[in-house]
Structures are given as C-alpha cells and as structure tokens.
PDB file of N, CA and C in Angstrom:
ATOM      1  N   MET A   1     139.439  16.918 114.902  1.00  0.00           N
ATOM      2  CA  MET A   1     139.881  16.236 113.697  1.00  0.00           C
ATOM      3  C   MET A   1     138.952  15.071 113.377  1.00  0.00           C
ATOM      4  N   GLU A   2     138.701  14.907 112.122  1.00  0.00           N
ATOM      5  CA  GLU A   2     137.784  13.865 111.675  1.00  0.00           C
ATOM      6  C   GLU A   2     138.330  12.464 111.922  1.00  0.00           C
ATOM      7  N   TRP A   3     139.645  12.252 111.749  1.00  0.00           N
ATOM      8  CA  TRP A   3     140.232  10.920 111.917  1.00  0.00           C
ATOM      9  C   TRP A   3     140.104  10.446 113.352  1.00  0.00           C
ATOM     10  N   SER A   4     140.114  11.370 114.341  1.00  0.00           N
ATOM     11  CA  SER A   4     140.006  10.949 115.744  1.00  0.00           C
ATOM     12  C   SER A   4     138.627  10.383 116.025  1.00  0.00           C
ATOM     13  N   GLN A   5     137.594  10.922 115.378  1.00  0.00           N
ATOM     14  CA  GLN A   5     136.245  10.373 115.517  1.00  0.00           C
ATOM     15  C   GLN A   5     136.182   8.974 114.910  1.00  0.00           C
ATOM     16  N   ASP A   6     136.836   8.785 113.778  1.00  0.00           N
ATOM     17  CA  ASP A   6     136.882   7.473 113.146  1.00  0.00           C
ATOM     18  C   ASP A   6     137.595   6.469 114.041  1.00  0.00           C
ATOM     19  N   LEU A   7     138.675   6.895 114.676  1.00  0.00           N
ATOM     20  CA  LEU A   7     139.424   6.018 115.570  1.00  0.00           C
ATOM     21  C   LEU A   7     138.575   5.600 116.761  1.00  0.00           C
ATOM     22  N   VAL A   8     137.875   6.535 117.365  1.00  0.00           N
ATOM     23  CA  VAL A   8     137.011   6.220 118.513  1.00  0.00           C
ATOM     24  C   VAL A   8     135.920   5.241 118.082  1.00  0.00           C
ATOM     25  N   LEU A   9     135.302   5.475 116.940  1.00  0.00           N
ATOM     26  CA  LEU A   9     134.261   4.572 116.446  1.00  0.00           C
ATOM     27  C   LEU A   9     134.823   3.186 116.188  1.00  0.00           C
ATOM     28  N   ALA A  10     135.983   3.115 115.556  1.00  0.00           N
ATOM     29  CA  ALA A  10     136.603   1.818 115.269  1.00  0.00           C
ATOM     30  C   ALA A  10     136.903   1.075 116.563  1.00  0.00           C
ATOM     31  N   GLN A  11     137.396   1.774 117.575  1.00  0.00           N
ATOM     32  CA  GLN A  11     137.706   1.126 118.850  1.00  0.00           C
ATOM     33  C   GLN A  11     136.442   0.613 119.532  1.00  0.00           C
ATOM     34  N   LEU A  12     135.347   1.323 119.377  1.00  0.00           N
ATOM     35  CA  LEU A  12     134.080   0.887 119.966  1.00  0.00           C
ATOM     36  C   LEU A  12     133.518  -0.355 119.277  1.00  0.00           C
ATOM     37  N   LEU A  13     133.820  -0.492 117.994  1.00  0.00           N
ATOM     38  CA  LEU A  13     133.272  -1.598 117.214  1.00  0.00           C
ATOM     39  C   LEU A  13     134.109  -2.871 117.256  1.00  0.00           C
ATOM     40  N   VAL A  14     135.315  -2.802 117.796  1.00  0.00           N
ATOM     41  CA  VAL A  14     136.199  -3.967 117.843  1.00  0.00           C
ATOM     42  C   VAL A  14     135.605  -5.023 118.770  1.00  0.00           C
ATOM     43  N   ARG A  15     135.564  -6.250 118.283  1.00  0.00           N
ATOM     44  CA  ARG A  15     135.093  -7.381 119.075  1.00  0.00           C
ATOM     45  C   ARG A  15     136.196  -8.425 119.090  1.00  0.00           C
ATOM     46  N   PRO A  16     136.684  -8.800 120.267  1.00  0.00           N
ATOM     47  CA  PRO A  16     137.757  -9.800 120.319  1.00  0.00           C
ATOM     48  C   PRO A  16     137.260 -11.175 119.877  1.00  0.00           C
ATOM     49  N   ILE A  17     138.047 -11.840 119.056  1.00  0.00           N
ATOM     50  CA  ILE A  17     137.728 -13.201 118.636  1.00  0.00           C
ATOM     51  C   ILE A  17     139.002 -14.022 118.670  1.00  0.00           C
ATOM     52  N   SER A  18     138.836 -15.311 118.778  1.00  0.00           N
ATOM     53  CA  SER A  18     139.975 -16.198 118.743  1.00  0.00           C
ATOM     54  C   SER A  18     140.205 -16.652 117.318  1.00  0.00           C
ATOM     55  N   LEU A  19     141.452 -16.594 116.878  1.00  0.00           N
ATOM     56  CA  LEU A  19     141.787 -17.087 115.547  1.00  0.00           C
ATOM     57  C   LEU A  19     142.416 -18.470 115.637  1.00  0.00           C
ATOM     58  N   SER A  20     142.155 -19.149 116.729  1.00  0.00           N
ATOM     59  CA  SER A  20     142.714 -20.475 116.953  1.00  0.00           C
ATOM     60  C   SER A  20     142.005 -21.505 116.084  1.00  0.00           C
ATOM     61  N   THR A  21     142.779 -22.341 115.402  1.00  0.00           N
ATOM     62  CA  THR A  21     142.168 -23.386 114.583  1.00  0.00           C
ATOM     63  C   THR A  21     141.444 -24.406 115.446  1.00  0.00           C
ATOM     64  N   SER A  22     141.849 -24.562 116.713  1.00  0.00           N
ATOM     65  CA  SER A  22     141.161 -25.518 117.576  1.00  0.00           C
ATOM     66  C   SER A  22     139.738 -25.057 117.855  1.00  0.00           C
ATOM     67  N   VAL A  23     139.531 -23.756 117.974  1.00  0.00           N
ATOM     68  CA  VAL A  23     138.182 -23.231 118.173  1.00  0.00           C
ATOM     69  C   VAL A  23     137.381 -23.380 116.885  1.00  0.00           C
ATOM     70  N   LEU A  24     138.002 -23.030 115.766  1.00  0.00           N
ATOM     71  CA  LEU A  24     137.310 -23.111 114.482  1.00  0.00           C
ATOM     72  C   LEU A  24     136.981 -24.549 114.095  1.00  0.00           C
ATOM     73  N   SER A  25     137.852 -25.485 114.425  1.00  0.00           N
ATOM     74  CA  SER A  25     137.640 -26.863 114.001  1.00  0.00           C
ATOM     75  C   SER A  25     136.535 -27.555 114.780  1.00  0.00           C
ATOM     76  N   SER A  26     136.054 -26.940 115.860  1.00  0.00           N
ATOM     77  CA  SER A  26     134.969 -27.547 116.613  1.00  0.00           C
ATOM     78  C   SER A  26     133.619 -27.351 115.922  1.00  0.00           C
ATOM     79  N   GLU A  27     133.588 -26.483 114.930  1.00  0.00           N
ATOM     80  CA  GLU A  27     132.355 -26.240 114.189  1.00  0.00           C
ATOM     81  C   GLU A  27     132.092 -27.385 113.214  1.00  0.00           C
ATOM     82  N   GLU A  28     130.836 -27.479 112.778  1.00  0.00           N
ATOM     83  CA  GLU A  28     130.484 -28.493 111.790  1.00  0.00           C
ATOM     84  C   GLU A  28     131.211 -28.215 110.480  1.00  0.00           C
ATOM     85  N   GLU A  29     131.490 -29.285 109.758  1.00  0.00           N
ATOM     86  CA  GLU A  29     132.122 -29.135 108.453  1.00  0.00           C
ATOM     87  C   GLU A  29     131.169 -28.419 107.508  1.00  0.00           C
ATOM     88  N   LEU A  30     131.715 -27.503 106.726  1.00  0.00           N
ATOM     89  CA  LEU A  30     130.901 -26.771 105.761  1.00  0.00           C
ATOM     90  C   LEU A  30     130.813 -27.577 104.476  1.00  0.00           C
ATOM     91  N   THR A  31     129.599 -27.784 104.014  1.00  0.00           N
ATOM     92  CA  THR A  31     129.378 -28.529 102.781  1.00  0.00           C
ATOM     93  C   THR A  31     128.475 -27.711 101.863  1.00  0.00           C
ATOM     94  N   LYS A  32     128.383 -28.117 100.608  1.00  0.00           N
ATOM     95  CA  LYS A  32     127.486 -27.434  99.663  1.00  0.00           C
ATOM     96  C   LYS A  32     126.055 -27.456 100.192  1.00  0.00           C
ATOM     97  N   GLU A  33     125.648 -28.602 100.770  1.00  0.00           N
ATOM     98  CA  GLU A  33     124.288 -28.739 101.267  1.00  0.00           C
ATOM     99  C   GLU A  33     124.038 -27.850 102.485  1.00  0.00           C
ATOM    100  N   LYS A  34     125.020 -27.779 103.373  1.00  0.00           N
ATOM    101  CA  LYS A  34     124.846 -27.015 104.599  1.00  0.00           C
ATOM    102  C   LYS A  34     125.149 -25.530 104.404  1.00  0.00           C
ATOM    103  N   TYR A  35     126.066 -25.226 103.519  1.00  0.00           N
ATOM    104  CA  TYR A  35     126.545 -23.858 103.383  1.00  0.00           C
ATOM    105  C   TYR A  35     125.895 -23.122 102.223  1.00  0.00           C
ATOM    106  N   GLY A  36     125.242 -23.862 101.368  1.00  0.00           N
ATOM    107  CA  GLY A  36     124.574 -23.230 100.244  1.00  0.00           C
ATOM    108  C   GLY A  36     125.407 -23.259  98.981  1.00  0.00           C
ATOM    109  N   SER A  37     124.898 -22.631  97.976  1.00  0.00           N
ATOM    110  CA  SER A  37     125.546 -22.684  96.666  1.00  0.00           C
ATOM    111  C   SER A  37     126.248 -21.378  96.302  1.00  0.00           C
ATOM    112  N   VAL A  38     126.513 -20.541  97.279  1.00  0.00           N
ATOM    113  CA  VAL A  38     127.193 -19.274  97.026  1.00  0.00           C
ATOM    114  C   VAL A  38     128.633 -19.549  96.604  1.00  0.00           C
ATOM    115  N   ARG A  39     129.036 -18.940  95.507  1.00  0.00           N
ATOM    116  CA  ARG A  39     130.413 -19.086  95.026  1.00  0.00           C
ATOM    117  C   ARG A  39     131.328 -18.348  95.985  1.00  0.00           C
ATOM    118  N   ARG A  40     132.473 -18.941  96.273  1.00  0.00           N
ATOM    119  CA  ARG A  40     133.406 -18.353  97.224  1.00  0.00           C
ATOM    120  C   ARG A  40     134.792 -18.232  96.605  1.00  0.00           C
ATOM    121  N   VAL A  41     135.416 -17.082  96.844  1.00  0.00           N
ATOM    122  CA  VAL A  41     136.786 -16.846  96.416  1.00  0.00           C
ATOM    123  C   VAL A  41     137.540 -16.363  97.646  1.00  0.00           C
ATOM    124  N   TYR A  42     138.652 -17.010  97.949  1.00  0.00           N
ATOM    125  CA  TYR A  42     139.484 -16.610  99.076  1.00  0.00           C
ATOM    126  C   TYR A  42     140.622 -15.765  98.536  1.00  0.00           C
ATOM    127  N   ILE A  43     140.818 -14.603  99.133  1.00  0.00           N
ATOM    128  CA  ILE A  43     141.906 -13.720  98.725  1.00  0.00           C
ATOM    129  C   ILE A  43     143.002 -13.815  99.774  1.00  0.00           C
ATOM    130  N   VAL A  44     144.149 -14.320  99.351  1.00  0.00           N
ATOM    131  CA  VAL A  44     145.301 -14.455 100.242  1.00  0.00           C
ATOM    132  C   VAL A  44     146.064 -13.134 100.259  1.00  0.00           C
ATOM    133  N   CYS A  45     146.290 -12.626 101.469  1.00  0.00           N
ATOM    134  CA  CYS A  45     147.102 -11.424 101.662  1.00  0.00           C
ATOM    135  C   CYS A  45     148.490 -11.901 102.076  1.00  0.00           C
ATOM    136  N   LYS A  46     149.444 -11.807 101.166  1.00  0.00           N
ATOM    137  CA  LYS A  46     150.750 -12.439 101.347  1.00  0.00           C
ATOM    138  C   LYS A  46     151.562 -11.915 102.529  1.00  0.00           C
ATOM    139  N   GLU A  47     151.394 -10.676 102.913  1.00  0.00           N
ATOM    140  CA  GLU A  47     152.182 -10.105 104.007  1.00  0.00           C
ATOM    141  C   GLU A  47     151.344  -9.915 105.267  1.00  0.00           C
ATOM    142  N   ASP A  48     150.271 -10.698 105.420  1.00  0.00           N
ATOM    143  CA  ASP A  48     149.384 -10.589 106.577  1.00  0.00           C
ATOM    144  C   ASP A  48     150.098 -11.112 107.819  1.00  0.00           C
ATOM    145  N   ASN A  49     150.274 -10.253 108.822  1.00  0.00           N
ATOM    146  CA  ASN A  49     150.902 -10.661 110.075  1.00  0.00           C
ATOM    147  C   ASN A  49     149.873 -10.966 111.158  1.00  0.00           C
ATOM    148  N   VAL A  50     148.593 -10.873 110.834  1.00  0.00           N
ATOM    149  CA  VAL A  50     147.522 -11.208 111.782  1.00  0.00           C
ATOM    150  C   VAL A  50     147.047 -12.625 111.515  1.00  0.00           C
ATOM    151  N   VAL A  51     146.634 -12.879 110.287  1.00  0.00           N
ATOM    152  CA  VAL A  51     146.205 -14.226 109.897  1.00  0.00           C
ATOM    153  C   VAL A  51     147.398 -14.852 109.175  1.00  0.00           C
ATOM    154  N   LYS A  52     148.131 -15.650 109.910  1.00  0.00           N
ATOM    155  CA  LYS A  52     149.375 -16.252 109.419  1.00  0.00           C
ATOM    156  C   LYS A  52     149.088 -17.222 108.266  1.00  0.00           C
ATOM    157  N   PRO A  53     150.085 -17.497 107.428  1.00  0.00           N
ATOM    158  CA  PRO A  53     149.890 -18.379 106.265  1.00  0.00           C
ATOM    159  C   PRO A  53     149.300 -19.740 106.614  1.00  0.00           C
ATOM    160  N   ASN A  54     149.727 -20.346 107.726  1.00  0.00           N
ATOM    161  CA  ASN A  54     149.185 -21.670 108.057  1.00  0.00           C
ATOM    162  C   ASN A  54     147.699 -21.591 108.396  1.00  0.00           C
ATOM    163  N   LEU A  55     147.250 -20.504 109.010  1.00  0.00           N
ATOM    164  CA  LEU A  55     145.824 -20.355 109.302  1.00  0.00           C
ATOM    165  C   LEU A  55     145.053 -20.062 108.020  1.00  0.00           C
ATOM    166  N   GLN A  56     145.633 -19.260 107.125  1.00  0.00           N
ATOM    167  CA  GLN A  56     144.969 -19.005 105.844  1.00  0.00           C
ATOM    168  C   GLN A  56     144.806 -20.310 105.068  1.00  0.00           C
ATOM    169  N   GLU A  57     145.850 -21.136 105.057  1.00  0.00           N
ATOM    170  CA  GLU A  57     145.768 -22.431 104.374  1.00  0.00           C
ATOM    171  C   GLU A  57     144.717 -23.317 105.025  1.00  0.00           C
ATOM    172  N   TRP A  58     144.657 -23.313 106.352  1.00  0.00           N
ATOM    173  CA  TRP A  58     143.663 -24.117 107.075  1.00  0.00           C
ATOM    174  C   TRP A  58     142.253 -23.668 106.702  1.00  0.00           C
ATOM    175  N   MET A  59     142.032 -22.336 106.638  1.00  0.00           N
ATOM    176  CA  MET A  59     140.700 -21.825 106.285  1.00  0.00           C
ATOM    177  C   MET A  59     140.326 -22.231 104.862  1.00  0.00           C
ATOM    178  N   ILE A  60     141.280 -22.178 103.948  1.00  0.00           N
ATOM    179  CA  ILE A  60     141.009 -22.582 102.562  1.00  0.00           C
ATOM    180  C   ILE A  60     140.680 -24.073 102.502  1.00  0.00           C
ATOM    181  N   ASP A  61     141.447 -24.892 103.215  1.00  0.00           N
ATOM    182  CA  ASP A  61     141.220 -26.339 103.215  1.00  0.00           C
ATOM    183  C   ASP A  61     139.888 -26.717 103.850  1.00  0.00           C
ATOM    184  N   ASN A  62     139.464 -25.983 104.872  1.00  0.00           N
ATOM    185  CA  ASN A  62     138.266 -26.335 105.622  1.00  0.00           C
ATOM    186  C   ASN A  62     137.019 -25.584 105.191  1.00  0.00           C
ATOM    187  N   ASN A  63     137.151 -24.678 104.269  1.00  0.00           N
ATOM    188  CA  ASN A  63     136.017 -23.968 103.685  1.00  0.00           C
ATOM    189  C   ASN A  63     136.328 -23.807 102.211  1.00  0.00           C
ATOM    190  N   PRO A  64     136.189 -24.883 101.471  1.00  0.00           N
ATOM    191  CA  PRO A  64     136.630 -24.878 100.075  1.00  0.00           C
ATOM    192  C   PRO A  64     136.070 -23.705  99.273  1.00  0.00           C
ATOM    193  N   ALA A  65     136.969 -23.041  98.585  1.00  0.00           N
ATOM    194  CA  ALA A  65     136.587 -21.922  97.731  1.00  0.00           C
ATOM    195  C   ALA A  65     136.623 -22.380  96.288  1.00  0.00           C
ATOM    196  N   ASP A  66     135.880 -21.681  95.447  1.00  0.00           N
ATOM    197  CA  ASP A  66     135.891 -21.982  94.020  1.00  0.00           C
ATOM    198  C   ASP A  66     137.213 -21.531  93.395  1.00  0.00           C
ATOM    199  N   GLU A  67     137.845 -20.573  94.057  1.00  0.00           N
ATOM    200  CA  GLU A  67     139.092 -20.030  93.533  1.00  0.00           C
ATOM    201  C   GLU A  67     139.853 -19.365  94.680  1.00  0.00           C
ATOM    202  N   VAL A  68     141.161 -19.367  94.581  1.00  0.00           N
ATOM    203  CA  VAL A  68     142.016 -18.664  95.539  1.00  0.00           C
ATOM    204  C   VAL A  68     142.832 -17.649  94.753  1.00  0.00           C
ATOM    205  N   LYS A  69     142.737 -16.398  95.162  1.00  0.00           N
ATOM    206  CA  LYS A  69     143.509 -15.330  94.522  1.00  0.00           C
ATOM    207  C   LYS A  69     144.542 -14.828  95.528  1.00  0.00           C
ATOM    208  N   VAL A  70     145.641 -14.337  95.021  1.00  0.00           N
ATOM    209  CA  VAL A  70     146.727 -13.848  95.869  1.00  0.00           C
ATOM    210  C   VAL A  70     147.023 -12.397  95.508  1.00  0.00           C
ATOM    211  N   ILE A  71     147.122 -11.564  96.536  1.00  0.00           N
ATOM    212  CA  ILE A  71     147.549 -10.184  96.332  1.00  0.00           C
ATOM    213  C   ILE A  71     148.897 -10.046  97.019  1.00  0.00           C
ATOM    214  N   ASN A  72     149.952 -10.053  96.222  1.00  0.00           N
ATOM    215  CA  ASN A  72     151.315  -9.947  96.747  1.00  0.00           C
ATOM    216  C   ASN A  72     151.551  -8.577  97.366  1.00  0.00           C
ATOM    217  N   GLY A  73     152.291  -8.569  98.464  1.00  0.00           N
ATOM    218  CA  GLY A  73     152.629  -7.321  99.130  1.00  0.00           C
ATOM    219  C   GLY A  73     151.514  -6.735  99.969  1.00  0.00           C
ATOM    220  N   SER A  74     150.396  -7.436 100.068  1.00  0.00           N
ATOM    221  CA  SER A  74     149.273  -6.915 100.844  1.00  0.00           C
ATOM    222  C   SER A  74     149.348  -7.411 102.276  1.00  0.00           C
ATOM    223  N   ASP A  75     149.007  -6.507 103.206  1.00  0.00           N
ATOM    224  CA  ASP A  75     148.988  -6.908 104.601  1.00  0.00           C
ATOM    225  C   ASP A  75     147.554  -7.226 105.018  1.00  0.00           C
ATOM    226  N   HIS A  76     147.302  -7.307 106.314  1.00  0.00           N
ATOM    227  CA  HIS A  76     145.974  -7.684 106.802  1.00  0.00           C
ATOM    228  C   HIS A  76     144.895  -6.703 106.341  1.00  0.00           C
ATOM    229  N   MET A  77     145.251  -5.442 106.217  1.00  0.00           N
ATOM    230  CA  MET A  77     144.290  -4.428 105.773  1.00  0.00           C
ATOM    231  C   MET A  77     144.536  -4.127 104.303  1.00  0.00           C
ATOM    232  N   VAL A  78     144.236  -5.118 103.477  1.00  0.00           N
ATOM    233  CA  VAL A  78     144.520  -5.022 102.046  1.00  0.00           C
ATOM    234  C   VAL A  78     143.857  -3.809 101.408  1.00  0.00           C
ATOM    235  N   MET A  79     142.737  -3.392 101.957  1.00  0.00           N
ATOM    236  CA  MET A  79     142.059  -2.228 101.381  1.00  0.00           C
ATOM    237  C   MET A  79     142.859  -0.937 101.570  1.00  0.00           C
ATOM    238  N   PHE A  80     143.828  -0.971 102.512  1.00  0.00           N
ATOM    239  CA  PHE A  80     144.712   0.177 102.709  1.00  0.00           C
ATOM    240  C   PHE A  80     146.075  -0.051 102.053  1.00  0.00           C
ATOM    241  N   SER A  81     146.590  -1.276 102.147  1.00  0.00           N
ATOM    242  CA  SER A  81     147.935  -1.538 101.638  1.00  0.00           C
ATOM    243  C   SER A  81     147.977  -1.704 100.124  1.00  0.00           C
ATOM    244  N   LYS A  82     146.945  -2.265  99.533  1.00  0.00           N
ATOM    245  CA  LYS A  82     146.906  -2.480  98.078  1.00  0.00           C
ATOM    246  C   LYS A  82     145.485  -2.241  97.549  1.00  0.00           C
ATOM    247  N   PRO A  83     144.948  -1.022  97.703  1.00  0.00           N
ATOM    248  CA  PRO A  83     143.551  -0.780  97.328  1.00  0.00           C
ATOM    249  C   PRO A  83     143.254  -0.988  95.839  1.00  0.00           C
ATOM    250  N   LEU A  84     144.167  -0.587  94.966  1.00  0.00           N
ATOM    251  CA  LEU A  84     143.921  -0.748  93.529  1.00  0.00           C
ATOM    252  C   LEU A  84     143.937  -2.223  93.135  1.00  0.00           C
ATOM    253  N   GLU A  85     144.869  -2.971  93.715  1.00  0.00           N
ATOM    254  CA  GLU A  85     144.940  -4.401  93.427  1.00  0.00           C
ATOM    255  C   GLU A  85     143.697  -5.120  93.946  1.00  0.00           C
ATOM    256  N   LEU A  86     143.222  -4.731  95.138  1.00  0.00           N
ATOM    257  CA  LEU A  86     142.005  -5.333  95.683  1.00  0.00           C
ATOM    258  C   LEU A  86     140.807  -5.009  94.811  1.00  0.00           C
ATOM    259  N   CYS A  87     140.704  -3.760  94.399  1.00  0.00           N
ATOM    260  CA  CYS A  87     139.594  -3.348  93.536  1.00  0.00           C
ATOM    261  C   CYS A  87     139.597  -4.152  92.238  1.00  0.00           C
ATOM    262  N   SER A  88     140.755  -4.296  91.634  1.00  0.00           N
ATOM    263  CA  SER A  88     140.882  -5.067  90.402  1.00  0.00           C
ATOM    264  C   SER A  88     140.493  -6.527  90.629  1.00  0.00           C
ATOM    265  N   CYS A  89     140.965  -7.083  91.745  1.00  0.00           N
ATOM    266  CA  CYS A  89     140.673  -8.472  92.089  1.00  0.00           C
ATOM    267  C   CYS A  89     139.161  -8.673  92.275  1.00  0.00           C
ATOM    268  N   LEU A  90     138.527  -7.769  93.008  1.00  0.00           N
ATOM    269  CA  LEU A  90     137.075  -7.873  93.246  1.00  0.00           C
ATOM    270  C   LEU A  90     136.291  -7.696  91.949  1.00  0.00           C
ATOM    271  N   GLN A  91     136.776  -6.832  91.073  1.00  0.00           N
ATOM    272  CA  GLN A  91     136.114  -6.650  89.779  1.00  0.00           C
ATOM    273  C   GLN A  91     136.204  -7.925  88.947  1.00  0.00           C
ATOM    274  N   GLU A  92     137.389  -8.560  88.926  1.00  0.00           N
ATOM    275  CA  GLU A  92     137.551  -9.833  88.203  1.00  0.00           C
ATOM    276  C   GLU A  92     136.610 -10.899  88.764  1.00  0.00           C
ATOM    277  N   ILE A  93     136.526 -10.989  90.069  1.00  0.00           N
ATOM    278  CA  ILE A  93     135.649 -11.968  90.708  1.00  0.00           C
ATOM    279  C   ILE A  93     134.203 -11.697  90.338  1.00  0.00           C
ATOM    280  N   SER A  94     133.803 -10.434  90.403  1.00  0.00           N
ATOM    281  CA  SER A  94     132.429 -10.054  90.071  1.00  0.00           C
ATOM    282  C   SER A  94     132.072 -10.418  88.636  1.00  0.00           C
ATOM    283  N   GLU A  95     132.978 -10.134  87.719  1.00  0.00           N
ATOM    284  CA  GLU A  95     132.726 -10.443  86.310  1.00  0.00           C
ATOM    285  C   GLU A  95     132.692 -11.944  86.059  1.00  0.00           C
ATOM    286  N   LYS A  96     133.549 -12.671  86.727  1.00  0.00           N
ATOM    287  CA  LYS A  96     133.623 -14.112  86.508  1.00  0.00           C
ATOM    288  C   LYS A  96     132.427 -14.866  87.083  1.00  0.00           C
ATOM    289  N   TYR A  97     131.938 -14.440  88.254  1.00  0.00           N
ATOM    290  CA  TYR A  97     130.914 -15.207  88.953  1.00  0.00           C
ATOM    291  C   TYR A  97     129.534 -14.576  88.915  1.00  0.00           C
ATOM    292  N   SER A  98     129.338 -13.558  88.061  1.00  0.00           N
ATOM    293  CA  SER A  98     128.015 -12.924  87.935  1.00  0.00           C
ATOM    294  C   SER A  98     127.193 -13.610  86.877  1.00  0.00           C
TER     295      SER A  98
END
C-alpha cells in the first residue's frame, strides 16, 4: 500500500523538538534589523492540541507578524483538517503581500 510507504517516510523524518517557551526565550530577540524585512503572517489554528493557545500567543508576541489570521475549527495539521480554508488564506496573503 502506498500510504504505508508514506508513513514510514514520515516516521523517518520526524525530529523531536522542545516547544517550551523557556527554550525559545533563550534566543536573541527578533528585530527588523536582525530578522530582515520579510513580511510575516501568523495563522492561528484554533483547535490545535499540539501548540496550545498560550504558546501561539507567545510566538506572536515574540516574533511580531504583520498580520494574524485565524482558521476556526482547524487542528495542528490544518492542511488536512481545513485544506480549502488554508488555501484561501494563503491566497489572500499572497495577493496582499506580493
């Protein structure tokens, strides 16, 4: 089956990382000068059970975005849970910041 090959590949590519804010906060503050002039949009996945709301808020506060968009009903894998909404959101971002 084709999906079993995809599963094996995905398992091989997984790299454990810490999502602890204490680890993230030890990094230098991101600024326009240090981080560049790339426009950033943060997409909040409202039903994400991996990246909890307080961590999402912390990431937004500590890496300022030009805009924050919300996809209601989306989980951590928004491309699977709300693919049409994500596509629409990315298209809006592309049109706005191109």
